[in-house]
């Protein structure tokens, strides 16, 4: 089964980095094998209700100083619909989605910045303050 590198960002600011093979957008929980856990350690159960978002990343280190761009490249058509998401904590992200529907548990969003370390985010709807089309 394919493993995805993810960073689970909790609403209280905690981060949990690791890999998952059972994340599904319509399930309320998944299992994450922490990146710093010893080999053979039992995966941690993560409840989406406790999270702000799940970040599917290219690299766990990333660049903490880098700020993703909030603009779309006008020379490249964006797949899906353009969204701006403001989380409860004030963080704002911009990207595209093909599956946003109000009232759902969450939705995937692909960053507007193609150089982002994030391949996509799963935004937990209940952790947002505002979601708007741009």
N, C-alpha and C. Protein backbone atom coordinates (compact mmCIF):
# COMPACT_ATOMS: atom_id res chain seq x y z
N UNK A 1 0.84 -1.18 0.00
CA UNK A 1 0.00 0.00 0.00
C UNK A 1 0.89 1.25 0.00
N UNK A 2 0.50 2.25 -0.78
CA UNK A 2 1.31 3.47 -0.91
C UNK A 2 1.31 4.27 0.39
N UNK A 3 2.48 4.77 0.74
CA UNK A 3 2.65 5.60 1.92
C UNK A 3 2.72 7.06 1.49
N UNK A 4 2.00 7.91 2.17
CA UNK A 4 2.05 9.35 1.92
C UNK A 4 2.79 10.02 3.06
N UNK A 5 3.70 10.93 2.73
CA UNK A 5 4.35 11.75 3.75
C UNK A 5 3.38 12.86 4.12
N UNK A 6 3.06 12.95 5.41
CA UNK A 6 2.11 13.96 5.85
C UNK A 6 2.58 14.67 7.11
N UNK A 7 2.07 15.87 7.28
CA UNK A 7 2.22 16.61 8.52
C UNK A 7 0.80 16.89 8.99
N UNK A 8 0.45 16.34 10.14
CA UNK A 8 -0.86 16.58 10.74
C UNK A 8 -0.71 17.81 11.63
N UNK A 9 -1.43 18.87 11.30
CA UNK A 9 -1.37 20.09 12.09
C UNK A 9 -2.63 20.16 12.94
N UNK A 10 -2.42 20.10 14.25
CA UNK A 10 -3.53 20.13 15.20
C UNK A 10 -4.02 21.57 15.40
N UNK A 11 -5.24 21.70 15.84
CA UNK A 11 -5.82 23.02 16.09
C UNK A 11 -5.08 23.77 17.19
N UNK A 12 -4.47 23.03 18.12
CA UNK A 12 -3.75 23.68 19.22
C UNK A 12 -2.31 24.03 18.84
N UNK A 13 -1.94 23.82 17.57
CA UNK A 13 -0.61 24.20 17.09
C UNK A 13 0.40 23.07 17.02
N UNK A 14 0.11 21.93 17.65
CA UNK A 14 1.03 20.80 17.57
C UNK A 14 1.14 20.29 16.15
N UNK A 15 2.29 19.68 15.85
CA UNK A 15 2.53 19.05 14.55
C UNK A 15 2.92 17.60 14.78
N UNK A 16 2.48 16.73 13.90
CA UNK A 16 2.90 15.34 13.93
C UNK A 16 3.29 14.97 12.50
N UNK A 17 4.58 14.65 12.31
CA UNK A 17 5.09 14.32 10.99
C UNK A 17 5.26 12.82 10.87
N UNK A 18 4.89 12.29 9.71
CA UNK A 18 5.04 10.85 9.50
C UNK A 18 4.42 10.41 8.20
N UNK A 19 4.11 9.14 8.13
CA UNK A 19 3.53 8.61 6.89
C UNK A 19 2.23 7.87 7.21
N UNK A 20 1.36 7.85 6.21
CA UNK A 20 0.07 7.18 6.36
C UNK A 20 -0.26 6.43 5.08
N UNK A 21 -0.96 5.33 5.25
CA UNK A 21 -1.41 4.55 4.10
C UNK A 21 -2.93 4.42 4.11
N UNK A 22 -3.58 4.99 5.13
CA UNK A 22 -5.03 4.79 5.21
C UNK A 22 -5.84 6.08 5.33
N UNK A 23 -5.27 7.20 4.86
CA UNK A 23 -6.03 8.45 4.89
C UNK A 23 -7.08 8.41 3.77
N UNK A 24 -8.32 8.67 4.13
CA UNK A 24 -9.41 8.80 3.16
C UNK A 24 -10.20 10.06 3.52
N UNK A 25 -10.56 10.88 2.54
CA UNK A 25 -11.22 12.15 2.83
C UNK A 25 -12.61 12.03 3.44
N UNK A 26 -13.22 10.86 3.37
CA UNK A 26 -14.55 10.70 3.95
C UNK A 26 -14.54 9.94 5.28
N UNK A 27 -13.34 9.68 5.82
CA UNK A 27 -13.20 9.00 7.12
C UNK A 27 -12.83 10.03 8.17
N UNK A 28 -13.27 9.80 9.40
CA UNK A 28 -13.02 10.77 10.46
C UNK A 28 -11.71 10.55 11.21
N UNK A 29 -10.94 9.54 10.80
CA UNK A 29 -9.64 9.27 11.43
C UNK A 29 -8.75 8.49 10.47
N UNK A 30 -7.45 8.52 10.76
CA UNK A 30 -6.47 7.74 10.00
C UNK A 30 -5.33 7.40 10.93
N UNK A 31 -4.41 6.59 10.46
CA UNK A 31 -3.25 6.18 11.26
C UNK A 31 -1.99 6.77 10.66
N UNK A 32 -1.12 7.25 11.54
CA UNK A 32 0.12 7.89 11.12
C UNK A 32 1.28 7.22 11.84
N UNK A 33 2.29 6.83 11.07
CA UNK A 33 3.53 6.30 11.65
C UNK A 33 4.48 7.47 11.80
N UNK A 34 4.73 7.95 13.02
CA UNK A 34 5.59 9.12 13.21
C UNK A 34 6.98 8.93 12.61
N UNK A 35 7.47 9.98 11.98
CA UNK A 35 8.77 9.94 11.31
C UNK A 35 9.89 9.65 12.30
N UNK A 36 9.74 10.07 13.56
CA UNK A 36 10.80 9.88 14.55
C UNK A 36 10.60 8.64 15.43
N UNK A 37 9.60 7.81 15.09
CA UNK A 37 9.33 6.60 15.88
C UNK A 37 10.34 5.50 15.54
N UNK A 38 10.66 4.65 16.50
CA UNK A 38 11.56 3.53 16.21
C UNK A 38 10.90 2.55 15.23
N UNK A 39 11.70 1.82 14.47
CA UNK A 39 11.14 0.84 13.53
C UNK A 39 10.22 -0.14 14.26
N UNK A 40 9.09 -0.43 13.63
CA UNK A 40 8.14 -1.38 14.21
C UNK A 40 7.19 -0.78 15.22
N UNK A 41 7.30 0.52 15.48
CA UNK A 41 6.41 1.17 16.45
C UNK A 41 4.98 1.19 15.91
N UNK A 42 4.05 1.13 16.82
CA UNK A 42 2.64 1.13 16.44
C UNK A 42 2.23 2.53 15.93
N UNK A 43 1.47 2.59 14.82
CA UNK A 43 1.01 3.90 14.32
C UNK A 43 0.07 4.58 15.31
N UNK A 44 0.01 5.89 15.22
CA UNK A 44 -0.83 6.72 16.08
C UNK A 44 -2.15 6.96 15.36
N UNK A 45 -3.26 6.82 16.09
CA UNK A 45 -4.55 7.15 15.49
C UNK A 45 -4.75 8.66 15.57
N UNK A 46 -5.12 9.27 14.45
CA UNK A 46 -5.32 10.72 14.38
C UNK A 46 -6.78 10.97 14.01
N UNK A 47 -7.44 11.78 14.83
CA UNK A 47 -8.84 12.14 14.57
C UNK A 47 -8.89 13.48 13.85
N UNK A 48 -9.60 13.53 12.74
CA UNK A 48 -9.68 14.77 11.98
C UNK A 48 -10.30 15.90 12.79
N UNK A 49 -11.22 15.59 13.70
CA UNK A 49 -11.86 16.62 14.52
C UNK A 49 -10.85 17.41 15.34
N UNK A 50 -9.67 16.83 15.61
CA UNK A 50 -8.63 17.50 16.39
C UNK A 50 -7.70 18.34 15.53
N UNK A 51 -7.82 18.22 14.21
CA UNK A 51 -6.87 18.84 13.29
C UNK A 51 -7.39 20.11 12.64
N UNK A 52 -6.43 20.88 12.18
CA UNK A 52 -6.67 22.04 11.33
C UNK A 52 -6.60 21.58 9.87
N UNK A 53 -5.57 20.79 9.57
CA UNK A 53 -5.36 20.31 8.21
C UNK A 53 -4.33 19.19 8.21
N UNK A 54 -4.34 18.44 7.12
CA UNK A 54 -3.31 17.42 6.87
C UNK A 54 -2.54 17.91 5.65
N UNK A 55 -1.24 18.08 5.81
CA UNK A 55 -0.39 18.57 4.73
C UNK A 55 0.34 17.39 4.12
N UNK A 56 0.12 17.14 2.85
CA UNK A 56 0.82 16.10 2.12
C UNK A 56 2.06 16.77 1.55
N UNK A 57 3.24 16.37 2.06
CA UNK A 57 4.48 17.11 1.79
C UNK A 57 5.46 16.32 0.93
N UNK A 58 6.36 17.07 0.30
CA UNK A 58 7.43 16.46 -0.48
C UNK A 58 8.57 16.03 0.46
N UNK A 59 8.82 16.86 1.48
CA UNK A 59 9.95 16.67 2.38
C UNK A 59 9.54 17.11 3.78
N UNK A 60 9.94 16.36 4.80
CA UNK A 60 9.58 16.73 6.17
C UNK A 60 10.30 17.99 6.65
N UNK A 61 11.50 18.22 6.16
CA UNK A 61 12.28 19.37 6.63
C UNK A 61 11.68 20.67 6.09
N UNK A 62 11.42 20.71 4.79
CA UNK A 62 10.90 21.93 4.19
C UNK A 62 11.82 23.11 4.48
N UNK A 63 11.29 24.31 4.38
CA UNK A 63 12.02 25.53 4.70
C UNK A 63 11.10 26.38 5.57
N UNK A 64 11.32 26.34 6.89
CA UNK A 64 10.41 27.05 7.79
C UNK A 64 10.34 28.56 7.54
N UNK A 65 11.37 29.13 6.89
CA UNK A 65 11.38 30.57 6.63
C UNK A 65 10.60 30.95 5.37
N UNK A 66 10.34 29.96 4.51
CA UNK A 66 9.69 30.23 3.23
C UNK A 66 8.20 30.48 3.41
N UNK A 67 7.70 31.47 2.72
CA UNK A 67 6.27 31.75 2.68
C UNK A 67 5.76 31.39 1.29
N UNK A 68 4.76 30.52 1.22
CA UNK A 68 4.19 30.17 -0.08
C UNK A 68 3.55 31.40 -0.71
N UNK A 69 3.68 31.49 -2.03
CA UNK A 69 3.03 32.57 -2.76
C UNK A 69 1.52 32.41 -2.71
N UNK A 70 0.81 33.50 -2.74
CA UNK A 70 -0.65 33.50 -2.65
C UNK A 70 -1.30 33.85 -4.00
N UNK A 71 -0.48 33.91 -5.06
CA UNK A 71 -0.98 34.29 -6.38
C UNK A 71 -0.86 33.11 -7.33
N UNK A 72 -1.77 33.06 -8.29
CA UNK A 72 -1.72 32.04 -9.33
C UNK A 72 -0.92 32.57 -10.51
N UNK A 73 -0.20 31.69 -11.18
CA UNK A 73 0.56 32.07 -12.36
C UNK A 73 -0.44 32.29 -13.50
N UNK A 74 -0.54 33.53 -13.99
CA UNK A 74 -1.54 33.81 -15.03
C UNK A 74 -1.25 33.10 -16.37
N UNK A 75 -0.02 32.64 -16.55
CA UNK A 75 0.33 31.98 -17.81
C UNK A 75 -0.04 30.49 -17.81
N UNK A 76 -0.43 29.98 -16.64
CA UNK A 76 -0.79 28.56 -16.53
C UNK A 76 -2.22 28.43 -16.01
N UNK A 77 -3.06 27.75 -16.77
CA UNK A 77 -4.43 27.58 -16.27
C UNK A 77 -4.45 26.73 -15.00
N UNK A 78 -5.22 27.16 -14.03
CA UNK A 78 -5.32 26.43 -12.76
C UNK A 78 -6.39 25.35 -12.89
N UNK A 79 -6.05 24.10 -12.54
CA UNK A 79 -7.06 23.05 -12.59
C UNK A 79 -8.03 23.19 -11.42
N UNK A 80 -9.29 23.07 -11.68
CA UNK A 80 -10.27 23.18 -10.61
C UNK A 80 -10.65 24.62 -10.33
N UNK A 81 -11.25 24.82 -9.16
CA UNK A 81 -11.71 26.16 -8.75
C UNK A 81 -10.72 26.76 -7.76
N UNK A 82 -10.49 28.04 -7.90
CA UNK A 82 -9.56 28.76 -7.02
C UNK A 82 -10.27 29.12 -5.71
N UNK A 83 -9.59 28.79 -4.61
CA UNK A 83 -10.16 29.06 -3.28
C UNK A 83 -9.17 29.79 -2.40
N UNK A 84 -9.70 30.58 -1.51
CA UNK A 84 -8.93 31.20 -0.43
C UNK A 84 -9.54 30.68 0.87
N UNK A 85 -8.69 30.14 1.73
CA UNK A 85 -9.15 29.58 3.00
C UNK A 85 -8.49 30.34 4.14
N UNK A 86 -9.30 30.80 5.07
CA UNK A 86 -8.80 31.42 6.29
C UNK A 86 -9.16 30.48 7.44
N UNK A 87 -8.14 30.03 8.15
CA UNK A 87 -8.35 29.12 9.27
C UNK A 87 -8.74 29.90 10.52
N UNK A 88 -9.24 29.19 11.52
CA UNK A 88 -9.63 29.81 12.80
C UNK A 88 -8.49 30.60 13.42
N UNK A 89 -7.23 30.12 13.22
CA UNK A 89 -6.08 30.79 13.82
C UNK A 89 -5.57 31.98 12.99
N UNK A 90 -6.25 32.29 11.87
CA UNK A 90 -5.88 33.44 11.04
C UNK A 90 -5.01 33.11 9.85
N UNK A 91 -4.42 31.91 9.81
CA UNK A 91 -3.59 31.54 8.66
C UNK A 91 -4.46 31.51 7.41
N UNK A 92 -3.89 32.01 6.32
CA UNK A 92 -4.60 32.05 5.04
C UNK A 92 -3.82 31.26 4.01
N UNK A 93 -4.51 30.41 3.25
CA UNK A 93 -3.90 29.66 2.16
C UNK A 93 -4.75 29.83 0.91
N UNK A 94 -4.08 29.74 -0.24
CA UNK A 94 -4.76 29.89 -1.52
C UNK A 94 -4.38 28.72 -2.39
N UNK A 95 -5.37 28.15 -3.07
CA UNK A 95 -5.10 27.02 -3.94
C UNK A 95 -6.30 26.67 -4.79
N UNK A 96 -6.24 25.49 -5.39
CA UNK A 96 -7.34 25.03 -6.24
C UNK A 96 -7.93 23.74 -5.68
N UNK A 97 -9.19 23.54 -5.97
CA UNK A 97 -9.89 22.34 -5.52
C UNK A 97 -10.83 21.85 -6.61
N UNK A 98 -11.09 20.57 -6.59
CA UNK A 98 -12.09 20.00 -7.49
C UNK A 98 -13.23 19.39 -6.68
N UNK A 99 -13.12 19.45 -5.35
CA UNK A 99 -14.09 18.73 -4.53
C UNK A 99 -14.64 19.52 -3.34
N UNK A 100 -14.56 20.84 -3.37
CA UNK A 100 -15.09 21.60 -2.22
C UNK A 100 -16.61 21.61 -2.25
N UNK A 101 -17.20 21.22 -1.13
CA UNK A 101 -18.63 21.33 -0.93
C UNK A 101 -18.86 21.70 0.53
N UNK A 102 -19.53 22.82 0.78
CA UNK A 102 -19.80 23.19 2.16
C UNK A 102 -20.55 22.06 2.87
N UNK A 103 -20.25 21.89 4.14
CA UNK A 103 -20.93 20.87 4.93
C UNK A 103 -20.20 19.54 4.99
N UNK A 104 -19.21 19.35 4.14
CA UNK A 104 -18.44 18.11 4.20
C UNK A 104 -17.38 18.21 5.29
N UNK A 105 -16.86 17.05 5.68
CA UNK A 105 -15.82 16.96 6.70
C UNK A 105 -14.60 17.82 6.33
N UNK A 106 -14.24 17.81 5.06
CA UNK A 106 -13.10 18.58 4.58
C UNK A 106 -12.97 18.47 3.09
N UNK A 107 -11.85 18.99 2.57
CA UNK A 107 -11.63 18.99 1.13
C UNK A 107 -10.14 19.14 0.84
N UNK A 108 -9.74 18.66 -0.34
CA UNK A 108 -8.36 18.81 -0.77
C UNK A 108 -8.17 20.16 -1.45
N UNK A 109 -6.99 20.72 -1.26
CA UNK A 109 -6.62 21.98 -1.86
C UNK A 109 -5.18 21.86 -2.34
N UNK A 110 -4.92 22.23 -3.59
CA UNK A 110 -3.57 22.21 -4.16
C UNK A 110 -3.04 23.64 -4.10
N UNK A 111 -1.85 23.86 -3.52
CA UNK A 111 -1.32 25.22 -3.36
C UNK A 111 -1.19 25.97 -4.68
N UNK A 112 -1.45 27.27 -4.63
CA UNK A 112 -1.27 28.13 -5.80
C UNK A 112 0.21 28.20 -6.18
N UNK A 113 1.10 28.10 -5.20
CA UNK A 113 2.54 28.21 -5.42
C UNK A 113 3.10 26.84 -5.84
N UNK A 114 3.53 26.69 -7.11
CA UNK A 114 4.04 25.40 -7.56
C UNK A 114 5.35 24.99 -6.89
N UNK A 115 6.04 25.92 -6.24
CA UNK A 115 7.30 25.61 -5.56
C UNK A 115 7.09 25.26 -4.09
N UNK A 116 5.85 25.18 -3.67
CA UNK A 116 5.54 24.85 -2.27
C UNK A 116 6.04 23.46 -1.93
N UNK A 117 6.42 23.25 -0.68
CA UNK A 117 6.78 21.92 -0.20
C UNK A 117 5.53 21.04 -0.06
N UNK A 118 4.38 21.68 -0.04
CA UNK A 118 3.12 20.95 0.07
C UNK A 118 2.64 20.53 -1.31
N UNK A 119 2.35 19.25 -1.45
CA UNK A 119 1.76 18.78 -2.71
C UNK A 119 0.27 19.11 -2.73
N UNK A 120 -0.36 18.94 -1.57
CA UNK A 120 -1.76 19.27 -1.39
C UNK A 120 -2.05 19.31 0.11
N UNK A 121 -3.17 19.92 0.43
CA UNK A 121 -3.64 19.97 1.81
C UNK A 121 -5.00 19.30 1.87
N UNK A 122 -5.31 18.68 3.00
CA UNK A 122 -6.68 18.31 3.28
C UNK A 122 -7.12 19.26 4.38
N UNK A 123 -8.00 20.17 4.04
CA UNK A 123 -8.47 21.19 4.97
C UNK A 123 -9.66 20.63 5.73
N UNK A 124 -9.61 20.68 7.06
CA UNK A 124 -10.72 20.24 7.88
C UNK A 124 -11.70 21.42 7.97
N UNK A 125 -12.89 21.23 7.42
CA UNK A 125 -13.86 22.32 7.30
C UNK A 125 -14.17 23.01 8.62
N UNK A 126 -14.29 22.26 9.69
CA UNK A 126 -14.65 22.86 10.99
C UNK A 126 -13.52 23.72 11.57
N UNK A 127 -12.33 23.67 10.99
CA UNK A 127 -11.20 24.47 11.47
C UNK A 127 -11.04 25.77 10.66
N UNK A 128 -12.01 26.04 9.76
CA UNK A 128 -11.91 27.25 8.94
C UNK A 128 -12.83 28.34 9.46
N UNK A 129 -12.40 29.57 9.22
CA UNK A 129 -13.22 30.73 9.54
C UNK A 129 -13.96 31.20 8.29
N UNK A 130 -13.26 31.08 7.13
CA UNK A 130 -13.83 31.56 5.88
C UNK A 130 -13.27 30.76 4.71
N UNK A 131 -14.13 30.39 3.78
CA UNK A 131 -13.73 29.75 2.53
C UNK A 131 -14.41 30.52 1.42
N UNK A 132 -13.62 31.07 0.48
CA UNK A 132 -14.22 31.86 -0.59
C UNK A 132 -13.54 31.55 -1.93
N UNK A 133 -14.33 31.65 -2.97
CA UNK A 133 -13.80 31.46 -4.33
C UNK A 133 -13.11 32.75 -4.75
N UNK A 134 -11.99 32.62 -5.45
CA UNK A 134 -11.26 33.81 -5.94
C UNK A 134 -11.17 33.78 -7.45
